[in-house]
Amino acid sequence: MNAYEIEQIEKDVKANFQLPLSYQGWADVERQAREERARVLGEGFSKLFRALFAKLAAFGRQVRATAAQMTNARLHHS
């Protein structure tokens, strides 16, 4: 490719990006934005609930371990 062809391609690209979107084009952009937002929010909630479940499970394990230690200590002192 020579410089003239590259210049023409750059002009075409700039012109294509500067054209206003049609109603359908805006509707597609809006739909994609809503889908992306829903996906990101879904992933966020998923991570949040996984983290909460992990903390709750760790807390439950700690309570069981403490109860086992207390039971074991009582049985040895009796």
N, C-alpha and C. Protein backbone atom coordinates (compact mmCIF):
# COMPACT_ATOMS: atom_id res chain seq x y z
N MET A 1 0.84 -1.18 0.00
CA MET A 1 0.00 0.00 0.00
C MET A 1 0.89 1.24 0.00
N ASN A 2 0.45 2.23 -0.77
CA ASN A 2 1.22 3.47 -0.76
C ASN A 2 0.55 4.48 0.16
N ALA A 3 1.19 5.62 0.31
CA ALA A 3 0.71 6.65 1.24
C ALA A 3 -0.67 7.15 0.86
N TYR A 4 -0.95 7.29 -0.43
CA TYR A 4 -2.25 7.77 -0.88
C TYR A 4 -3.37 6.81 -0.45
N GLU A 5 -3.15 5.52 -0.64
CA GLU A 5 -4.16 4.54 -0.26
C GLU A 5 -4.39 4.55 1.25
N ILE A 6 -3.33 4.65 2.00
CA ILE A 6 -3.46 4.70 3.46
C ILE A 6 -4.25 5.94 3.87
N GLU A 7 -3.95 7.07 3.23
CA GLU A 7 -4.66 8.31 3.54
C GLU A 7 -6.15 8.18 3.23
N GLN A 8 -6.49 7.54 2.11
CA GLN A 8 -7.88 7.35 1.74
C GLN A 8 -8.60 6.44 2.74
N ILE A 9 -7.94 5.40 3.17
CA ILE A 9 -8.53 4.49 4.16
C ILE A 9 -8.77 5.23 5.47
N GLU A 10 -7.81 6.05 5.90
CA GLU A 10 -7.99 6.81 7.13
C GLU A 10 -9.16 7.78 7.01
N LYS A 11 -9.31 8.43 5.86
CA LYS A 11 -10.45 9.33 5.65
C LYS A 11 -11.77 8.57 5.72
N ASP A 12 -11.81 7.41 5.09
CA ASP A 12 -13.04 6.59 5.11
C ASP A 12 -13.38 6.17 6.54
N VAL A 13 -12.39 5.77 7.28
CA VAL A 13 -12.62 5.34 8.67
C VAL A 13 -13.16 6.50 9.49
N LYS A 14 -12.55 7.68 9.36
CA LYS A 14 -13.02 8.85 10.10
C LYS A 14 -14.45 9.21 9.70
N ALA A 15 -14.75 9.16 8.42
CA ALA A 15 -16.10 9.49 7.94
C ALA A 15 -17.12 8.49 8.45
N ASN A 16 -16.77 7.22 8.47
CA ASN A 16 -17.71 6.20 8.94
C ASN A 16 -17.99 6.35 10.42
N PHE A 17 -17.00 6.74 11.19
CA PHE A 17 -17.21 6.89 12.62
C PHE A 17 -17.94 8.18 12.96
N GLN A 18 -17.94 9.15 12.07
CA GLN A 18 -18.59 10.42 12.34
C GLN A 18 -20.04 10.46 11.89
N LEU A 19 -20.49 9.48 11.13
CA LEU A 19 -21.87 9.47 10.69
C LEU A 19 -22.79 9.20 11.87
N PRO A 20 -23.92 9.90 11.94
CA PRO A 20 -24.85 9.66 13.05
C PRO A 20 -25.47 8.27 12.92
N LEU A 21 -25.75 7.68 14.06
CA LEU A 21 -26.36 6.36 14.05
C LEU A 21 -27.84 6.47 13.72
N SER A 22 -28.34 5.47 13.07
CA SER A 22 -29.79 5.42 12.80
C SER A 22 -30.50 5.04 14.09
N TYR A 23 -31.83 5.11 14.05
CA TYR A 23 -32.62 4.72 15.23
C TYR A 23 -32.29 3.28 15.62
N GLN A 24 -32.19 2.41 14.63
CA GLN A 24 -31.87 1.00 14.91
C GLN A 24 -30.48 0.88 15.51
N GLY A 25 -29.55 1.70 15.02
CA GLY A 25 -28.19 1.69 15.56
C GLY A 25 -28.17 2.08 17.03
N TRP A 26 -28.92 3.13 17.37
CA TRP A 26 -28.99 3.54 18.77
C TRP A 26 -29.66 2.47 19.62
N ALA A 27 -30.69 1.85 19.08
CA ALA A 27 -31.38 0.79 19.81
C ALA A 27 -30.41 -0.37 20.09
N ASP A 28 -29.58 -0.70 19.11
CA ASP A 28 -28.59 -1.78 19.32
C ASP A 28 -27.57 -1.39 20.38
N VAL A 29 -27.11 -0.14 20.33
CA VAL A 29 -26.14 0.33 21.33
C VAL A 29 -26.76 0.28 22.72
N GLU A 30 -28.01 0.73 22.83
CA GLU A 30 -28.70 0.73 24.12
C GLU A 30 -28.91 -0.70 24.63
N ARG A 31 -29.30 -1.60 23.73
CA ARG A 31 -29.52 -3.00 24.13
C ARG A 31 -28.20 -3.62 24.61
N GLN A 32 -27.12 -3.37 23.88
CA GLN A 32 -25.82 -3.92 24.28
C GLN A 32 -25.38 -3.36 25.62
N ALA A 33 -25.63 -2.05 25.84
CA ALA A 33 -25.26 -1.44 27.11
C ALA A 33 -26.06 -2.05 28.26
N ARG A 34 -27.35 -2.27 28.04
CA ARG A 34 -28.18 -2.88 29.09
C ARG A 34 -27.73 -4.32 29.38
N GLU A 35 -27.42 -5.06 28.33
CA GLU A 35 -26.96 -6.44 28.52
C GLU A 35 -25.63 -6.46 29.28
N GLU A 36 -24.73 -5.56 28.92
CA GLU A 36 -23.43 -5.50 29.60
C GLU A 36 -23.61 -5.11 31.06
N ARG A 37 -24.47 -4.13 31.32
CA ARG A 37 -24.72 -3.72 32.70
C ARG A 37 -25.32 -4.88 33.51
N ALA A 38 -26.28 -5.58 32.92
CA ALA A 38 -26.89 -6.71 33.61
C ALA A 38 -25.86 -7.81 33.89
N ARG A 39 -24.98 -8.06 32.92
CA ARG A 39 -23.96 -9.09 33.10
C ARG A 39 -22.99 -8.70 34.22
N VAL A 40 -22.56 -7.43 34.22
CA VAL A 40 -21.61 -6.97 35.24
C VAL A 40 -22.27 -7.00 36.62
N LEU A 41 -23.51 -6.53 36.71
CA LEU A 41 -24.22 -6.57 37.99
C LEU A 41 -24.43 -8.01 38.47
N GLY A 42 -24.76 -8.90 37.54
CA GLY A 42 -24.93 -10.30 37.91
C GLY A 42 -23.65 -10.91 38.43
N GLU A 43 -22.54 -10.61 37.77
CA GLU A 43 -21.25 -11.12 38.25
C GLU A 43 -20.91 -10.53 39.62
N GLY A 44 -21.23 -9.25 39.81
CA GLY A 44 -20.97 -8.61 41.10
C GLY A 44 -21.76 -9.25 42.23
N PHE A 45 -23.06 -9.47 41.99
CA PHE A 45 -23.88 -10.13 43.00
C PHE A 45 -23.40 -11.55 43.26
N SER A 46 -23.02 -12.23 42.20
CA SER A 46 -22.51 -13.59 42.35
C SER A 46 -21.26 -13.62 43.23
N LYS A 47 -20.33 -12.72 42.96
CA LYS A 47 -19.11 -12.64 43.78
C LYS A 47 -19.44 -12.28 45.22
N LEU A 48 -20.37 -11.35 45.40
CA LEU A 48 -20.77 -10.94 46.75
C LEU A 48 -21.33 -12.12 47.53
N PHE A 49 -22.27 -12.85 46.93
CA PHE A 49 -22.89 -13.96 47.65
C PHE A 49 -21.92 -15.12 47.86
N ARG A 50 -21.00 -15.33 46.91
CA ARG A 50 -19.98 -16.36 47.13
C ARG A 50 -19.09 -15.98 48.31
N ALA A 51 -18.72 -14.70 48.39
CA ALA A 51 -17.87 -14.25 49.50
C ALA A 51 -18.63 -14.37 50.83
N LEU A 52 -19.90 -13.96 50.83
CA LEU A 52 -20.69 -14.08 52.05
C LEU A 52 -20.85 -15.54 52.48
N PHE A 53 -21.11 -16.42 51.52
CA PHE A 53 -21.23 -17.83 51.84
C PHE A 53 -19.92 -18.39 52.38
N ALA A 54 -18.80 -17.98 51.79
CA ALA A 54 -17.50 -18.46 52.26
C ALA A 54 -17.24 -17.98 53.69
N LYS A 55 -17.59 -16.71 53.98
CA LYS A 55 -17.41 -16.19 55.34
C LYS A 55 -18.32 -16.92 56.32
N LEU A 56 -19.55 -17.17 55.92
CA LEU A 56 -20.50 -17.87 56.78
C LEU A 56 -20.03 -19.30 57.04
N ALA A 57 -19.54 -19.96 56.00
CA ALA A 57 -19.05 -21.33 56.16
C ALA A 57 -17.83 -21.35 57.08
N ALA A 58 -16.93 -20.39 56.92
CA ALA A 58 -15.74 -20.32 57.79
C ALA A 58 -16.16 -20.06 59.23
N PHE A 59 -17.15 -19.19 59.42
CA PHE A 59 -17.64 -18.92 60.77
C PHE A 59 -18.25 -20.18 61.38
N GLY A 60 -19.02 -20.92 60.58
CA GLY A 60 -19.61 -22.17 61.07
C GLY A 60 -18.54 -23.19 61.45
N ARG A 61 -17.49 -23.31 60.63
CA ARG A 61 -16.39 -24.23 60.97
C ARG A 61 -15.71 -23.81 62.27
N GLN A 62 -15.53 -22.49 62.44
CA GLN A 62 -14.88 -22.00 63.67
C GLN A 62 -15.74 -22.29 64.90
N VAL A 63 -17.05 -22.12 64.77
CA VAL A 63 -17.96 -22.40 65.89
C VAL A 63 -17.91 -23.88 66.22
N ARG A 64 -17.95 -24.74 65.19
CA ARG A 64 -17.88 -26.18 65.46
C ARG A 64 -16.55 -26.58 66.10
N ALA A 65 -15.46 -25.98 65.63
CA ALA A 65 -14.15 -26.30 66.20
C ALA A 65 -14.08 -25.86 67.66
N THR A 66 -14.60 -24.67 67.94
CA THR A 66 -14.60 -24.18 69.32
C THR A 66 -15.47 -25.07 70.20
N ALA A 67 -16.62 -25.46 69.70
CA ALA A 67 -17.51 -26.34 70.48
C ALA A 67 -16.83 -27.68 70.73
N ALA A 68 -16.13 -28.21 69.75
CA ALA A 68 -15.43 -29.48 69.93
C ALA A 68 -14.31 -29.34 70.95
N GLN A 69 -13.60 -28.23 70.92
CA GLN A 69 -12.53 -28.01 71.90
C GLN A 69 -13.11 -27.89 73.30
N MET A 70 -14.22 -27.19 73.46
CA MET A 70 -14.85 -27.03 74.77
C MET A 70 -15.35 -28.38 75.29
N THR A 71 -15.96 -29.15 74.41
CA THR A 71 -16.46 -30.46 74.81
C THR A 71 -15.29 -31.36 75.21
N ASN A 72 -14.24 -31.32 74.44
CA ASN A 72 -13.07 -32.13 74.72
C ASN A 72 -12.43 -31.72 76.05
N ALA A 73 -12.38 -30.42 76.32
CA ALA A 73 -11.79 -29.92 77.56
C ALA A 73 -12.66 -30.33 78.75
N ARG A 74 -13.97 -30.27 78.63
CA ARG A 74 -14.84 -30.67 79.73
C ARG A 74 -14.72 -32.15 80.03
N LEU A 75 -14.61 -32.95 78.97
CA LEU A 75 -14.53 -34.38 79.17
C LEU A 75 -13.22 -34.76 79.88
N HIS A 76 -12.15 -34.07 79.64
CA HIS A 76 -10.87 -34.37 80.29
C HIS A 76 -10.81 -33.91 81.73
N HIS A 77 -11.55 -32.86 82.09
CA HIS A 77 -11.52 -32.34 83.45
C HIS A 77 -12.51 -33.02 84.36
N SER A 78 -13.39 -33.79 83.87
CA SER A 78 -14.44 -34.40 84.69
C SER A 78 -13.91 -35.52 85.54
